Amino acid sequence: MSIFHRSTDAPRTGDTALSACKMVQNPLTLIMTIRSPEDFQALNTRIQKIQSAPPENNPIWIALDKLKIVHFARFVFLENNTKLAIITTYDGLFEDYLNEFIDEIGDVFNALLQHMEGAPPLPIQQNRSAFRDYIKANDLGGIDPFYSAYPQATVLDIQAALSER
């Protein structure tokens, strides 16, 4: 098996030793406030429907497999179902990541955001800047440094290494 070797020049926040190794992964911890209990019910129903679909029919899984930049992604309801977290680890630059998501599953985000307080104007495909600002404002970020067991390995690197086995 080959060693992971690809690297993007994705800048990392903070001035740590890990920044010097050109870490390619970046975290997103998006926490959005749900408008009401009724919105939670509608949102939960929609997410459960999407997530219960087999991978080949799940629009999120299809998009993530196509993009090949997301290592992990999950939904979590928080604070007695008053908030929805979307937690991901992705390769590359935030702007690229966001644009690819808008292009591939913008309609899923449109469906989710209609239940959120302070959501950007919809559809997000026509309101990219407002969507970007909303995501940045609701991303909790993290306490640097962001740990990765494979800081210079992209999704493509890992998939290639696994296929060499």
C-alpha atoms as a PDB file:
ATOM      1  CA  MET A   1       0.000   0.000   0.000  1.00  0.00           C
ATOM      2  CA  SER A   2       1.335   3.438  -0.868  1.00  0.00           C
ATOM      3  CA  ILE A   3       1.755   6.242   1.617  1.00  0.00           C
ATOM      4  CA  PHE A   4      -0.790   9.070   1.477  1.00  0.00           C
ATOM      5  CA  HIS A   5       0.836  11.870  -0.427  1.00  0.00           C
ATOM      6  CA  ARG A   6      -1.577  14.331  -1.956  1.00  0.00           C
ATOM      7  CA  SER A   7      -1.806  17.759  -0.496  1.00  0.00           C
ATOM      8  CA  THR A   8      -3.818  20.854  -1.236  1.00  0.00           C
ATOM      9  CA  ASP A   9      -2.679  24.199  -0.014  1.00  0.00           C
ATOM     10  CA  ALA A  10      -5.808  24.599   2.064  1.00  0.00           C
ATOM     11  CA  PRO A  11      -5.057  27.173   4.733  1.00  0.00           C
ATOM     12  CA  ARG A  12      -5.833  26.226   8.327  1.00  0.00           C
ATOM     13  CA  THR A  13      -6.768  28.626  11.034  1.00  0.00           C
ATOM     14  CA  GLY A  14      -4.381  29.159  13.885  1.00  0.00           C
ATOM     15  CA  ASP A  15      -0.614  29.217  13.888  1.00  0.00           C
ATOM     16  CA  THR A  16       0.201  25.681  14.996  1.00  0.00           C
ATOM     17  CA  ALA A  17       2.702  23.037  14.025  1.00  0.00           C
ATOM     18  CA  LEU A  18      -0.105  21.199  12.253  1.00  0.00           C
ATOM     19  CA  SER A  19      -0.584  24.157   9.940  1.00  0.00           C
ATOM     20  CA  ALA A  20       2.936  23.610   8.665  1.00  0.00           C
ATOM     21  CA  CYS A  21       2.111  20.077   7.515  1.00  0.00           C
ATOM     22  CA  LYS A  22      -0.547  21.391   5.105  1.00  0.00           C
ATOM     23  CA  MET A  23      -3.482  19.518   6.600  1.00  0.00           C
ATOM     24  CA  VAL A  24      -6.025  18.928   3.856  1.00  0.00           C
ATOM     25  CA  GLN A  25      -9.070  18.166   6.020  1.00  0.00           C
ATOM     26  CA  ASN A  26     -11.261  20.817   7.561  1.00  0.00           C
ATOM     27  CA  PRO A  27     -14.113  20.526  10.070  1.00  0.00           C
ATOM     28  CA  LEU A  28     -17.592  21.987   9.831  1.00  0.00           C
ATOM     29  CA  THR A  29     -19.846  21.982  12.882  1.00  0.00           C
ATOM     30  CA  LEU A  30     -22.972  23.730  11.664  1.00  0.00           C
ATOM     31  CA  ILE A  31     -25.548  24.361  14.412  1.00  0.00           C
ATOM     32  CA  MET A  32     -28.887  25.724  13.232  1.00  0.00           C
ATOM     33  CA  THR A  33     -31.846  26.740  15.391  1.00  0.00           C
ATOM     34  CA  ILE A  34     -35.154  25.119  14.471  1.00  0.00           C
ATOM     35  CA  ARG A  35     -38.058  27.582  14.334  1.00  0.00           C
ATOM     36  CA  SER A  36     -40.699  25.626  16.286  1.00  0.00           C
ATOM     37  CA  PRO A  37     -41.754  22.181  17.527  1.00  0.00           C
ATOM     38  CA  GLU A  38     -43.854  21.858  14.375  1.00  0.00           C
ATOM     39  CA  ASP A  39     -40.803  22.654  12.261  1.00  0.00           C
ATOM     40  CA  PHE A  40     -38.856  20.008  14.189  1.00  0.00           C
ATOM     41  CA  GLN A  41     -41.531  17.422  13.376  1.00  0.00           C
ATOM     42  CA  ALA A  42     -41.476  18.286   9.661  1.00  0.00           C
ATOM     43  CA  LEU A  43     -37.683  18.401   9.633  1.00  0.00           C
ATOM     44  CA  ASN A  44     -37.318  15.120  11.495  1.00  0.00           C
ATOM     45  CA  THR A  45     -39.758  13.423   9.112  1.00  0.00           C
ATOM     46  CA  ARG A  46     -37.834  14.707   6.085  1.00  0.00           C
ATOM     47  CA  ILE A  47     -34.408  13.750   7.447  1.00  0.00           C
ATOM     48  CA  GLN A  48     -35.615  10.297   8.519  1.00  0.00           C
ATOM     49  CA  LYS A  49     -37.059   9.724   5.040  1.00  0.00           C
ATOM     50  CA  ILE A  50     -33.805  10.736   3.356  1.00  0.00           C
ATOM     51  CA  GLN A  51     -31.570   8.829   5.759  1.00  0.00           C
ATOM     52  CA  SER A  52     -33.662   5.651   5.696  1.00  0.00           C
ATOM     53  CA  ALA A  53     -33.336   5.374   1.924  1.00  0.00           C
ATOM     54  CA  PRO A  54     -30.761   2.883   0.657  1.00  0.00           C
ATOM     55  CA  PRO A  55     -27.457   4.594  -0.239  1.00  0.00           C
ATOM     56  CA  GLU A  56     -28.165   4.383  -3.967  1.00  0.00           C
ATOM     57  CA  ASN A  57     -31.423   6.352  -3.442  1.00  0.00           C
ATOM     58  CA  ASN A  58     -30.250   8.742  -0.733  1.00  0.00           C
ATOM     59  CA  PRO A  59     -29.537  12.144  -2.348  1.00  0.00           C
ATOM     60  CA  ILE A  60     -27.012  13.034   0.347  1.00  0.00           C
ATOM     61  CA  TRP A  61     -25.023   9.810  -0.016  1.00  0.00           C
ATOM     62  CA  ILE A  62     -25.168  10.079  -3.803  1.00  0.00           C
ATOM     63  CA  ALA A  63     -23.805  13.645  -3.672  1.00  0.00           C
ATOM     64  CA  LEU A  64     -21.100  12.798  -1.133  1.00  0.00           C
ATOM     65  CA  ASP A  65     -19.947   9.815  -3.182  1.00  0.00           C
ATOM     66  CA  LYS A  66     -19.852  12.004  -6.288  1.00  0.00           C
ATOM     67  CA  LEU A  67     -17.973  14.875  -4.650  1.00  0.00           C
ATOM     68  CA  LYS A  68     -15.261  12.670  -3.119  1.00  0.00           C
ATOM     69  CA  ILE A  69     -14.185  15.361  -0.653  1.00  0.00           C
ATOM     70  CA  VAL A  70     -16.188  14.488   2.481  1.00  0.00           C
ATOM     71  CA  HIS A  71     -14.654  12.086   4.983  1.00  0.00           C
ATOM     72  CA  PHE A  72     -17.544  12.008   7.444  1.00  0.00           C
ATOM     73  CA  ALA A  73     -20.987  13.601   7.699  1.00  0.00           C
ATOM     74  CA  ARG A  74     -23.840  13.307  10.134  1.00  0.00           C
ATOM     75  CA  PHE A  75     -27.006  14.982  11.397  1.00  0.00           C
ATOM     76  CA  VAL A  76     -27.628  15.398  15.127  1.00  0.00           C
ATOM     77  CA  PHE A  77     -30.616  16.968  16.869  1.00  0.00           C
ATOM     78  CA  LEU A  78     -29.508  18.946  19.938  1.00  0.00           C
ATOM     79  CA  GLU A  79     -30.970  20.778  22.927  1.00  0.00           C
ATOM     80  CA  ASN A  80     -34.310  18.962  23.146  1.00  0.00           C
ATOM     81  CA  ASN A  81     -34.758  19.030  19.372  1.00  0.00           C
ATOM     82  CA  THR A  82     -34.457  22.806  19.107  1.00  0.00           C
ATOM     83  CA  LYS A  83     -31.261  22.708  17.048  1.00  0.00           C
ATOM     84  CA  LEU A  84     -29.942  20.680  14.149  1.00  0.00           C
ATOM     85  CA  ALA A  85     -26.230  20.011  13.802  1.00  0.00           C
ATOM     86  CA  ILE A  86     -24.615  19.035  10.527  1.00  0.00           C
ATOM     87  CA  ILE A  87     -21.116  17.842  11.314  1.00  0.00           C
ATOM     88  CA  THR A  88     -18.650  17.081   8.535  1.00  0.00           C
ATOM     89  CA  THR A  89     -14.963  16.733   7.807  1.00  0.00           C
ATOM     90  CA  TYR A  90     -14.043  17.694   4.254  1.00  0.00           C
ATOM     91  CA  ASP A  91     -11.015  18.202   2.015  1.00  0.00           C
ATOM     92  CA  GLY A  92      -9.894  21.533   0.637  1.00  0.00           C
ATOM     93  CA  LEU A  93     -11.173  25.058   0.832  1.00  0.00           C
ATOM     94  CA  PHE A  94     -14.442  26.108   2.481  1.00  0.00           C
ATOM     95  CA  GLU A  95     -15.625  28.088  -0.554  1.00  0.00           C
ATOM     96  CA  ASP A  96     -15.091  25.122  -2.895  1.00  0.00           C
ATOM     97  CA  TYR A  97     -16.819  22.760  -0.468  1.00  0.00           C
ATOM     98  CA  LEU A  98     -19.822  25.042  -0.137  1.00  0.00           C
ATOM     99  CA  ASN A  99     -20.172  25.629  -3.873  1.00  0.00           C
ATOM    100  CA  GLU A 100     -20.021  21.911  -4.599  1.00  0.00           C
ATOM    101  CA  PHE A 101     -22.721  21.270  -2.012  1.00  0.00           C
ATOM    102  CA  ILE A 102     -24.937  23.982  -3.464  1.00  0.00           C
ATOM    103  CA  ASP A 103     -24.507  22.490  -6.932  1.00  0.00           C
ATOM    104  CA  GLU A 104     -25.081  18.880  -5.894  1.00  0.00           C
ATOM    105  CA  ILE A 105     -27.650  18.987  -3.078  1.00  0.00           C
ATOM    106  CA  GLY A 106     -28.854  22.562  -2.887  1.00  0.00           C
ATOM    107  CA  ASP A 107     -32.464  21.369  -2.925  1.00  0.00           C
ATOM    108  CA  VAL A 108     -31.876  19.278   0.206  1.00  0.00           C
ATOM    109  CA  PHE A 109     -30.514  22.365   1.965  1.00  0.00           C
ATOM    110  CA  ASN A 110     -33.489  24.390   0.706  1.00  0.00           C
ATOM    111  CA  ALA A 111     -35.810  21.826   2.329  1.00  0.00           C
ATOM    112  CA  LEU A 112     -33.907  21.889   5.622  1.00  0.00           C
ATOM    113  CA  LEU A 113     -33.422  25.647   5.805  1.00  0.00           C
ATOM    114  CA  GLN A 114     -37.112  26.439   5.450  1.00  0.00           C
ATOM    115  CA  HIS A 115     -37.427  25.220   9.060  1.00  0.00           C
ATOM    116  CA  MET A 116     -34.550  27.287  10.497  1.00  0.00           C
ATOM    117  CA  GLU A 117     -34.442  30.622  12.270  1.00  0.00           C
ATOM    118  CA  GLY A 118     -32.449  33.269  10.441  1.00  0.00           C
ATOM    119  CA  ALA A 119     -32.123  31.135   7.317  1.00  0.00           C
ATOM    120  CA  PRO A 120     -30.751  32.798   4.199  1.00  0.00           C
ATOM    121  CA  PRO A 121     -33.057  33.588   1.300  1.00  0.00           C
ATOM    122  CA  LEU A 122     -34.058  30.510  -0.660  1.00  0.00           C
ATOM    123  CA  PRO A 123     -33.285  28.933  -2.997  1.00  0.00           C
ATOM    124  CA  ILE A 124     -29.633  28.884  -2.000  1.00  0.00           C
ATOM    125  CA  GLN A 125     -28.628  28.271  -5.614  1.00  0.00           C
ATOM    126  CA  GLN A 126     -29.589  31.896  -6.313  1.00  0.00           C
ATOM    127  CA  ASN A 127     -28.350  33.215  -2.958  1.00  0.00           C
ATOM    128  CA  ARG A 128     -24.863  31.715  -2.626  1.00  0.00           C
ATOM    129  CA  SER A 129     -23.336  34.636  -0.768  1.00  0.00           C
ATOM    130  CA  ALA A 130     -26.132  34.757   1.824  1.00  0.00           C
ATOM    131  CA  PHE A 131     -25.913  30.965   2.253  1.00  0.00           C
ATOM    132  CA  ARG A 132     -22.136  31.186   2.734  1.00  0.00           C
ATOM    133  CA  ASP A 133     -22.577  33.936   5.332  1.00  0.00           C
ATOM    134  CA  TYR A 134     -25.238  31.886   7.147  1.00  0.00           C
ATOM    135  CA  ILE A 135     -22.998  28.799   7.263  1.00  0.00           C
ATOM    136  CA  LYS A 136     -20.032  30.824   8.524  1.00  0.00           C
ATOM    137  CA  ALA A 137     -22.170  32.507  11.180  1.00  0.00           C
ATOM    138  CA  ASN A 138     -23.516  29.161  12.436  1.00  0.00           C
ATOM    139  CA  ASP A 139     -20.315  27.104  12.235  1.00  0.00           C
ATOM    140  CA  LEU A 140     -19.010  26.503  15.757  1.00  0.00           C
ATOM    141  CA  GLY A 141     -15.557  25.827  14.431  1.00  0.00           C
ATOM    142  CA  GLY A 142     -13.373  24.132  16.958  1.00  0.00           C
ATOM    143  CA  ILE A 143     -10.489  24.555  19.319  1.00  0.00           C
ATOM    144  CA  ASP A 144      -7.295  24.333  17.290  1.00  0.00           C
ATOM    145  CA  PRO A 145      -5.507  22.223  16.482  1.00  0.00           C
ATOM    146  CA  PHE A 146      -7.927  19.985  14.580  1.00  0.00           C
ATOM    147  CA  TYR A 147      -6.662  16.417  14.972  1.00  0.00           C
ATOM    148  CA  SER A 148      -6.446  14.062  12.028  1.00  0.00           C
ATOM    149  CA  ALA A 149      -4.805  10.650  12.028  1.00  0.00           C
ATOM    150  CA  TYR A 150      -3.950  11.282   8.368  1.00  0.00           C
ATOM    151  CA  PRO A 151      -3.552  15.061   7.967  1.00  0.00           C
ATOM    152  CA  GLN A 152      -2.279  14.997   4.385  1.00  0.00           C
ATOM    153  CA  ALA A 153      -4.620  12.320   3.016  1.00  0.00           C
ATOM    154  CA  THR A 154      -7.631  13.269   0.957  1.00  0.00           C
ATOM    155  CA  VAL A 155     -10.706  11.097   0.494  1.00  0.00           C
ATOM    156  CA  LEU A 156      -9.295  10.115  -2.903  1.00  0.00           C
ATOM    157  CA  ASP A 157      -5.953   9.126  -1.317  1.00  0.00           C
ATOM    158  CA  ILE A 158      -7.678   6.921   1.229  1.00  0.00           C
ATOM    159  CA  GLN A 159      -9.942   5.287  -1.349  1.00  0.00           C
ATOM    160  CA  ALA A 160      -6.956   4.618  -3.615  1.00  0.00           C
ATOM    161  CA  ALA A 161      -4.934   3.128  -0.754  1.00  0.00           C
ATOM    162  CA  LEU A 162      -7.804   0.880   0.252  1.00  0.00           C
ATOM    163  CA  SER A 163      -8.276  -0.362  -3.309  1.00  0.00           C
ATOM    164  CA  GLU A 164      -4.577  -1.375  -3.425  1.00  0.00           C
ATOM    165  CA  ARG A 165      -5.107  -3.937  -0.683  1.00  0.00           C
END
